[in-house]
Protein backbone atom coordinates (compact mmCIF):
# COMPACT_ATOMS: atom_id res chain seq x y z
CA MET A 1 125.14 131.04 -116.93
CA SER A 2 125.79 132.73 -113.60
CA LYS A 3 123.11 133.27 -110.96
CA HIS A 4 123.52 137.02 -111.41
CA ASN A 5 122.73 136.89 -115.18
CA MET A 6 119.78 134.57 -114.57
CA TYR A 7 118.38 136.90 -111.86
CA PHE A 8 118.77 139.93 -114.16
CA LYS A 9 116.88 138.21 -117.03
CA ILE A 10 114.04 137.07 -114.73
CA LYS A 11 113.78 140.53 -113.18
CA ARG A 12 113.40 142.11 -116.66
CA LEU A 13 110.72 139.63 -117.76
CA PRO A 14 107.72 141.57 -116.31
CA SER A 15 108.88 144.75 -118.05
CA LEU A 16 109.30 142.91 -121.33
CA LEU A 17 105.85 141.27 -121.03
CA PHE A 18 104.27 144.64 -120.21
CA PHE A 19 105.91 146.18 -123.29
CA ILE A 20 104.69 143.37 -125.55
CA ILE A 21 101.12 143.45 -124.20
CA ALA A 22 100.95 147.25 -124.33
CA SER A 23 102.25 147.23 -127.92
CA CYS A 24 99.63 144.67 -128.97
CA ILE A 25 96.83 146.72 -127.39
CA LEU A 26 98.10 149.92 -128.98
CA PHE A 27 98.45 148.44 -132.46
CA ASN A 28 95.07 146.70 -132.28
CA ALA A 29 93.45 149.95 -131.14
CA CYS A 30 95.07 151.78 -134.02
CA GLY A 31 93.67 149.18 -136.37
CA ILE A 32 90.09 150.09 -135.47
CA VAL A 33 90.52 153.85 -135.72
CA LYS A 34 88.85 155.09 -138.89
CA LEU A 35 91.03 157.45 -140.88
CA SER A 36 89.50 160.69 -142.05
CA PRO A 37 88.59 160.86 -145.74
CA HIS A 38 89.22 164.63 -145.78
CA VAL A 39 92.22 165.81 -147.75
CA ASN A 40 93.33 169.02 -149.44
CA LYS A 41 95.93 168.17 -152.07
CA ALA A 42 96.50 170.35 -155.14
CA ILE A 43 97.43 168.43 -158.29
CA GLU A 44 98.72 169.84 -161.57
CA VAL A 45 96.78 168.55 -164.59
CA LYS A 46 96.70 168.80 -168.38
CA LYS A 47 93.77 168.62 -170.79
CA ILE A 48 92.87 165.27 -172.28
CA SER A 49 89.96 164.31 -174.47
CA ASP A 50 88.62 160.79 -174.64
CA PRO A 51 84.81 160.80 -174.69
CA SER A 52 84.80 156.98 -174.62
CA LYS A 53 86.08 157.03 -171.01
CA THR A 54 83.22 157.84 -168.66
CA ILE A 55 81.84 157.03 -165.25
CA THR A 56 78.07 156.76 -164.88
CA VAL A 57 76.43 157.43 -161.53
CA PRO A 58 72.75 156.56 -162.10
CA ASP A 59 71.22 157.75 -158.81
CA GLY A 60 73.92 159.81 -157.11
CA MET A 61 76.25 158.65 -154.32
CA VAL A 62 76.64 160.00 -150.81
CA TRP A 63 79.69 159.56 -148.55
CA TYR A 64 79.96 160.50 -144.88
CA ASP A 65 83.12 160.90 -142.84
CA GLU A 66 81.90 159.11 -139.71
CA ASN A 67 78.80 157.91 -137.90
CA PRO A 68 77.06 160.14 -136.96
CA PRO A 69 78.41 162.31 -139.76
CA ALA A 70 80.28 165.57 -139.25
CA ALA A 71 80.61 166.08 -143.02
CA GLY A 72 79.42 164.52 -146.24
CA ILE A 73 79.86 164.67 -150.00
CA ARG A 74 77.30 163.87 -152.67
CA PHE A 75 78.20 162.94 -156.21
CA PRO A 76 75.16 163.86 -158.33
CA PRO A 77 73.70 161.46 -160.88
CA GLY A 78 74.89 161.60 -164.47
CA ILE A 79 77.73 160.80 -166.81
CA TYR A 80 81.16 161.93 -165.62
CA ILE A 81 83.42 162.63 -168.60
CA LEU A 82 87.21 162.36 -168.64
CA GLU A 83 88.48 165.95 -168.82
CA VAL A 84 92.05 166.15 -167.51
CA GLU A 85 94.86 163.95 -166.25
CA SER A 86 97.94 164.18 -164.06
CA SER A 87 100.89 161.84 -163.97
CA ASP A 88 99.00 159.70 -161.41
CA TYR A 89 95.26 160.29 -161.96
CA LEU A 90 92.42 160.51 -164.48
CA PHE A 91 89.80 163.16 -163.63
CA PHE A 92 86.14 162.66 -164.57
CA HIS A 93 84.09 165.85 -164.41
CA SER A 94 80.63 165.73 -162.86
CA PRO A 95 77.70 167.02 -164.95
CA GLU A 96 76.54 169.03 -161.89
CA PRO A 97 78.49 170.51 -158.95
CA LEU A 98 79.39 168.21 -156.06
CA GLU A 99 77.41 168.85 -152.88
CA PHE A 100 79.25 169.24 -149.57
CA ARG A 101 77.39 169.19 -146.24
CA ILE A 102 78.38 169.93 -142.64
CA PHE A 103 76.40 168.19 -139.89
CA LYS A 104 75.81 168.89 -136.22
CA ASN A 105 74.09 166.26 -134.10
CA GLY A 106 73.33 164.31 -137.27
CA LYS A 107 71.50 167.21 -138.96
CA PRO A 108 72.83 169.32 -141.88
CA VAL A 109 73.73 172.86 -140.80
CA ASP A 110 75.73 174.12 -143.78
CA GLY A 111 76.48 173.21 -147.37
CA LYS A 112 78.09 174.20 -150.62
CA LYS A 113 78.00 173.16 -154.26
CA ILE A 114 81.37 173.14 -156.02
CA LYS A 115 82.37 172.02 -159.52
CA GLY A 116 84.43 168.84 -159.48
CA GLY A 117 84.18 165.11 -159.99
CA ILE A 118 85.76 161.71 -159.36
CA MET A 119 89.43 160.91 -159.84
CA PHE A 120 90.91 157.46 -160.51
CA ALA A 121 94.52 156.45 -159.91
CA LYS A 122 96.19 155.32 -163.14
CA ARG A 123 98.00 152.52 -161.34
CA ASN A 124 97.91 150.87 -157.97
CA ASN A 125 100.23 152.93 -155.80
CA SER A 126 100.23 152.36 -152.06
CA ASP A 127 101.08 156.03 -151.44
CA ALA A 128 98.11 157.38 -153.37
CA ALA A 129 94.36 157.23 -152.82
CA PRO A 130 93.03 154.95 -155.58
CA TYR A 131 89.76 156.93 -155.87
CA ALA A 132 88.82 160.37 -154.60
CA GLY A 133 86.50 163.30 -155.03
CA TYR A 134 88.04 166.49 -156.38
CA VAL A 135 87.11 170.09 -156.97
CA ASN A 136 88.39 172.47 -159.62
CA GLY A 137 91.37 174.57 -158.56
CA GLU A 138 92.03 178.24 -159.12
CA THR A 139 93.40 177.64 -162.64
CA GLU A 140 92.54 175.35 -165.56
CA THR A 141 95.63 173.28 -164.75
CA GLU A 142 94.83 172.59 -161.10
CA ARG A 143 92.50 170.13 -159.39
CA ILE A 144 92.24 169.61 -155.64
CA MET A 145 91.73 166.18 -154.09
CA VAL A 146 89.23 166.73 -151.27
CA TRP A 147 87.73 163.37 -150.27
CA LYS A 148 89.39 159.94 -150.32
CA LEU A 149 86.87 157.29 -151.31
CA GLY A 150 88.86 154.17 -150.43
CA LYS A 151 88.05 150.55 -151.13
CA ASP A 152 84.34 151.01 -150.36
CA PHE A 153 84.06 152.91 -153.63
CA LEU A 154 85.27 149.88 -155.55
CA LEU A 155 82.74 147.67 -153.74
CA ARG A 156 79.92 149.92 -155.04
CA GLU A 157 80.96 149.39 -158.69
CA GLY A 158 78.07 147.94 -160.66
CA LYS A 159 75.57 148.99 -157.99
CA GLU A 160 76.02 152.76 -157.63
CA TRP A 161 78.44 153.52 -160.46
CA LYS A 162 80.00 151.97 -163.54
CA LYS A 163 82.90 152.80 -165.82
CA SER A 164 83.14 152.52 -169.59
CA PHE A 165 86.80 151.51 -169.75
C-alpha cells in the first residue's frame, strides 16, 4: 500500500467515526420516541354474526397518548359483541359510546362520545395495528380506526379485559 493511500484512509477515519457515532445516537434517540396512537383510517366492513365471540371489559379502560396527556380514550365497561369484519380485522361493538377527551395542562377541556368499539387483527401482520379503537363510519359498511392500542393492550388481558374466543 502506498503512503498516499494510507494517508487518505487515516485522514477519512475521523469523518467515518463521526458518522458512526452520530448514527448510533440518532437511532437510539429514535428508539425512545413514543409514537402517537392517533390514526384515522377508514376500513370497509361486512356484517357478521357470532354472538359467541365477545370481549368483556369489566370496569372500563382508559388510554392516554402521552404523559401528561393531550388526548385520551375510554372504553366503557360491558360486553363488546362481534358485529362486522374486514379482510384484516374483527370489530367488537361497545355497549355504550366510546369517550374521547382533550386535555390541556393535564386537565380535560373537551370531550365527545362516539359509537364504536375495539378491533382485533385476524392475523399477526407487521404492517397493521394488532388492536385498536374504532368509531362507526358514515355508512353501515365503514369503520374508522382511531386509536392504536399496541402491545400494552395485550398485557392488560385478564386484568382489564377478556375475550371469549
